Amino acid sequence: MISNINNMFVWAGGFVDGEGYIQYKTKPYKRIRMEVCNTDFKPIELLKEIFGGKIYYRKPRVTSKGTLSKPQKMWVVLNEECYEVCKSIIPFLVTSKRIKTSQQIIKHYLKEETNEVEKSNKVN
């Protein structure tokens, strides 16, 4: 159970900043996603508990040295879920690339919401 959600957003922002990947593309098709992959499963499960999304299991791979890597879990949020996560953690991100991508995602959905309001106003 999550006891202090604000502290969890701070933690999640730092964890995504250090271990995560945020993608925003609109061409050739829309691709909005955030993912975090780790060999320690607890943080991945905690991200799912806080924000939802899906967890995928990645099998160990053969490394360049011929040994097996550790198994990993990957947490993924797409589209609107990614937008909600970005809104929650953007104040706590520090890497410029992740901040910029989060801002693009937020702007994308704010623009969509504005377009929906304008369409509904024209109908009325």
C-alpha atoms as a PDB file:
ATOM      1  CA  MET A   1       0.000   0.000   0.000  1.00  0.00           C
ATOM      2  CA  ILE A   2       1.203   3.489  -0.843  1.00  0.00           C
ATOM      3  CA  SER A   3       1.415   5.629   2.291  1.00  0.00           C
ATOM      4  CA  ASN A   4       2.563   9.009   0.921  1.00  0.00           C
ATOM      5  CA  ILE A   5       1.840   9.482  -2.769  1.00  0.00           C
ATOM      6  CA  ASN A   6       3.820  12.740  -3.063  1.00  0.00           C
ATOM      7  CA  ASN A   7       6.981  11.004  -1.841  1.00  0.00           C
ATOM      8  CA  MET A   8       6.293   8.189  -4.283  1.00  0.00           C
ATOM      9  CA  PHE A   9       6.106  10.678  -7.192  1.00  0.00           C
ATOM     10  CA  VAL A  10       9.484  12.112  -6.135  1.00  0.00           C
ATOM     11  CA  TRP A  11      10.977   8.611  -5.972  1.00  0.00           C
ATOM     12  CA  ALA A  12       9.387   7.581  -9.292  1.00  0.00           C
ATOM     13  CA  GLY A  13      10.711  10.711 -11.012  1.00  0.00           C
ATOM     14  CA  GLY A  14      14.242   9.920  -9.900  1.00  0.00           C
ATOM     15  CA  PHE A  15      13.945   6.255 -10.820  1.00  0.00           C
ATOM     16  CA  VAL A  16      12.556   6.992 -14.297  1.00  0.00           C
ATOM     17  CA  ASP A  17      15.237   9.649 -14.765  1.00  0.00           C
ATOM     18  CA  GLY A  18      17.980   7.152 -13.967  1.00  0.00           C
ATOM     19  CA  GLU A  19      16.630   3.905 -15.391  1.00  0.00           C
ATOM     20  CA  GLY A  20      13.782   4.806 -17.721  1.00  0.00           C
ATOM     21  CA  TYR A  21      13.031   5.571 -21.339  1.00  0.00           C
ATOM     22  CA  ILE A  22      10.380   8.027 -22.521  1.00  0.00           C
ATOM     23  CA  GLN A  23       9.341   8.111 -26.182  1.00  0.00           C
ATOM     24  CA  TYR A  24       7.240  10.612 -28.114  1.00  0.00           C
ATOM     25  CA  LYS A  25       6.850  10.199 -31.863  1.00  0.00           C
ATOM     26  CA  THR A  26       3.986  11.160 -34.131  1.00  0.00           C
ATOM     27  CA  LYS A  27       5.357  10.019 -37.494  1.00  0.00           C
ATOM     28  CA  PRO A  28       4.974   7.662 -39.236  1.00  0.00           C
ATOM     29  CA  TYR A  29       2.484   6.804 -36.460  1.00  0.00           C
ATOM     30  CA  LYS A  30       1.823   7.893 -32.874  1.00  0.00           C
ATOM     31  CA  ARG A  31       4.140   6.247 -30.363  1.00  0.00           C
ATOM     32  CA  ILE A  32       3.898   7.525 -26.792  1.00  0.00           C
ATOM     33  CA  ARG A  33       5.445   5.311 -24.145  1.00  0.00           C
ATOM     34  CA  MET A  34       7.478   5.128 -20.994  1.00  0.00           C
ATOM     35  CA  GLU A  35       9.360   2.067 -19.883  1.00  0.00           C
ATOM     36  CA  VAL A  36      11.691   1.093 -17.094  1.00  0.00           C
ATOM     37  CA  CYS A  37      13.617  -2.174 -17.097  1.00  0.00           C
ATOM     38  CA  ASN A  38      15.498  -3.562 -14.118  1.00  0.00           C
ATOM     39  CA  THR A  39      16.900  -6.755 -12.622  1.00  0.00           C
ATOM     40  CA  ASP A  40      15.547  -5.722  -9.213  1.00  0.00           C
ATOM     41  CA  PHE A  41      11.834  -6.508  -9.481  1.00  0.00           C
ATOM     42  CA  LYS A  42      10.556  -4.564  -6.446  1.00  0.00           C
ATOM     43  CA  PRO A  43      10.899  -1.049  -7.977  1.00  0.00           C
ATOM     44  CA  ILE A  44       9.224  -2.253 -11.174  1.00  0.00           C
ATOM     45  CA  GLU A  45       6.301  -3.673  -9.212  1.00  0.00           C
ATOM     46  CA  LEU A  46       6.055  -0.456  -7.200  1.00  0.00           C
ATOM     47  CA  LEU A  47       5.802   1.636 -10.381  1.00  0.00           C
ATOM     48  CA  LYS A  48       2.883  -0.546 -11.492  1.00  0.00           C
ATOM     49  CA  GLU A  49       1.235  -0.155  -8.087  1.00  0.00           C
ATOM     50  CA  ILE A  50       1.528   3.639  -8.258  1.00  0.00           C
ATOM     51  CA  PHE A  51       0.681   4.278 -11.923  1.00  0.00           C
ATOM     52  CA  GLY A  52      -0.799   1.127 -13.418  1.00  0.00           C
ATOM     53  CA  GLY A  53       0.562  -0.046 -16.746  1.00  0.00           C
ATOM     54  CA  LYS A  54       1.903  -3.465 -17.587  1.00  0.00           C
ATOM     55  CA  ILE A  55       4.901  -5.517 -16.511  1.00  0.00           C
ATOM     56  CA  TYR A  56       6.725  -7.768 -18.946  1.00  0.00           C
ATOM     57  CA  TYR A  57       9.269 -10.422 -18.044  1.00  0.00           C
ATOM     58  CA  ARG A  58      12.474 -10.443 -20.099  1.00  0.00           C
ATOM     59  CA  LYS A  59      14.314 -13.725 -20.270  1.00  0.00           C
ATOM     60  CA  PRO A  60      18.055 -13.832 -19.582  1.00  0.00           C
ATOM     61  CA  ARG A  61      20.109 -13.251 -22.712  1.00  0.00           C
ATOM     62  CA  VAL A  62      23.543 -14.491 -23.674  1.00  0.00           C
ATOM     63  CA  THR A  63      26.042 -11.679 -23.124  1.00  0.00           C
ATOM     64  CA  SER A  64      29.061 -10.884 -25.282  1.00  0.00           C
ATOM     65  CA  LYS A  65      31.134 -12.886 -22.771  1.00  0.00           C
ATOM     66  CA  GLY A  66      28.951 -15.939 -23.342  1.00  0.00           C
ATOM     67  CA  THR A  67      27.301 -15.837 -19.909  1.00  0.00           C
ATOM     68  CA  LEU A  68      23.625 -15.391 -19.157  1.00  0.00           C
ATOM     69  CA  SER A  69      22.390 -11.976 -18.038  1.00  0.00           C
ATOM     70  CA  LYS A  70      20.086 -11.622 -15.056  1.00  0.00           C
ATOM     71  CA  PRO A  71      16.355 -11.866 -15.746  1.00  0.00           C
ATOM     72  CA  GLN A  72      14.613  -8.500 -15.969  1.00  0.00           C
ATOM     73  CA  LYS A  73      11.151  -7.059 -15.552  1.00  0.00           C
ATOM     74  CA  MET A  74      10.029  -4.136 -17.666  1.00  0.00           C
ATOM     75  CA  TRP A  75       7.241  -1.719 -16.667  1.00  0.00           C
ATOM     76  CA  VAL A  76       5.468  -0.026 -19.571  1.00  0.00           C
ATOM     77  CA  VAL A  77       2.795   2.676 -19.840  1.00  0.00           C
ATOM     78  CA  LEU A  78       1.398   3.835 -23.178  1.00  0.00           C
ATOM     79  CA  ASN A  79      -0.499   6.847 -24.499  1.00  0.00           C
ATOM     80  CA  GLU A  80      -2.909   8.384 -21.933  1.00  0.00           C
ATOM     81  CA  GLU A  81      -1.377   6.411 -19.052  1.00  0.00           C
ATOM     82  CA  CYS A  82       2.030   7.774 -20.062  1.00  0.00           C
ATOM     83  CA  TYR A  83       0.567  11.293 -20.106  1.00  0.00           C
ATOM     84  CA  GLU A  84      -0.740  10.875 -16.555  1.00  0.00           C
ATOM     85  CA  VAL A  85       2.652   9.594 -15.350  1.00  0.00           C
ATOM     86  CA  CYS A  86       4.458  12.497 -17.050  1.00  0.00           C
ATOM     87  CA  LYS A  87       2.183  15.023 -15.332  1.00  0.00           C
ATOM     88  CA  SER A  88       2.942  13.418 -11.960  1.00  0.00           C
ATOM     89  CA  ILE A  89       6.725  13.130 -12.232  1.00  0.00           C
ATOM     90  CA  ILE A  90       7.837  16.028 -14.456  1.00  0.00           C
ATOM     91  CA  PRO A  91       8.555  18.332 -11.472  1.00  0.00           C
ATOM     92  CA  PHE A  92      11.058  15.736 -10.223  1.00  0.00           C
ATOM     93  CA  LEU A  93      12.910  14.941 -13.465  1.00  0.00           C
ATOM     94  CA  VAL A  94      16.385  16.432 -13.860  1.00  0.00           C
ATOM     95  CA  THR A  95      17.681  15.136 -17.214  1.00  0.00           C
ATOM     96  CA  SER A  96      16.909  17.604 -19.983  1.00  0.00           C
ATOM     97  CA  LYS A  97      16.041  14.918 -22.541  1.00  0.00           C
ATOM     98  CA  ARG A  98      13.418  13.302 -20.303  1.00  0.00           C
ATOM     99  CA  ILE A  99      12.002  16.682 -19.299  1.00  0.00           C
ATOM    100  CA  LYS A 100      11.697  17.718 -22.961  1.00  0.00           C
ATOM    101  CA  THR A 101      10.021  14.455 -23.977  1.00  0.00           C
ATOM    102  CA  SER A 102       7.610  14.621 -21.029  1.00  0.00           C
ATOM    103  CA  GLN A 103       6.716  18.198 -21.983  1.00  0.00           C
ATOM    104  CA  GLN A 104       6.010  17.085 -25.568  1.00  0.00           C
ATOM    105  CA  ILE A 105       3.689  14.327 -24.320  1.00  0.00           C
ATOM    106  CA  ILE A 106       1.837  16.696 -21.976  1.00  0.00           C
ATOM    107  CA  LYS A 107       1.496  19.299 -24.744  1.00  0.00           C
ATOM    108  CA  HIS A 108       0.180  16.620 -27.135  1.00  0.00           C
ATOM    109  CA  TYR A 109      -2.645  15.624 -24.795  1.00  0.00           C
ATOM    110  CA  LEU A 110      -3.478  19.195 -23.757  1.00  0.00           C
ATOM    111  CA  LYS A 111      -3.822  20.018 -27.465  1.00  0.00           C
ATOM    112  CA  GLU A 112      -6.115  16.976 -27.949  1.00  0.00           C
ATOM    113  CA  GLU A 113      -8.272  18.048 -24.986  1.00  0.00           C
ATOM    114  CA  THR A 114      -8.534  21.587 -26.413  1.00  0.00           C
ATOM    115  CA  ASN A 115      -9.560  20.199 -29.814  1.00  0.00           C
ATOM    116  CA  GLU A 116     -12.262  18.035 -28.186  1.00  0.00           C
ATOM    117  CA  VAL A 117     -13.682  21.048 -26.321  1.00  0.00           C
ATOM    118  CA  GLU A 118     -13.711  23.113 -29.518  1.00  0.00           C
ATOM    119  CA  LYS A 119     -15.521  20.310 -31.393  1.00  0.00           C
ATOM    120  CA  SER A 120     -18.164  19.978 -28.670  1.00  0.00           C
ATOM    121  CA  ASN A 121     -18.695  23.765 -28.636  1.00  0.00           C
ATOM    122  CA  LYS A 122     -19.305  23.767 -32.424  1.00  0.00           C
ATOM    123  CA  VAL A 123     -21.907  21.008 -32.062  1.00  0.00           C
ATOM    124  CA  ASN A 124     -23.780  22.964 -29.365  1.00  0.00           C
END
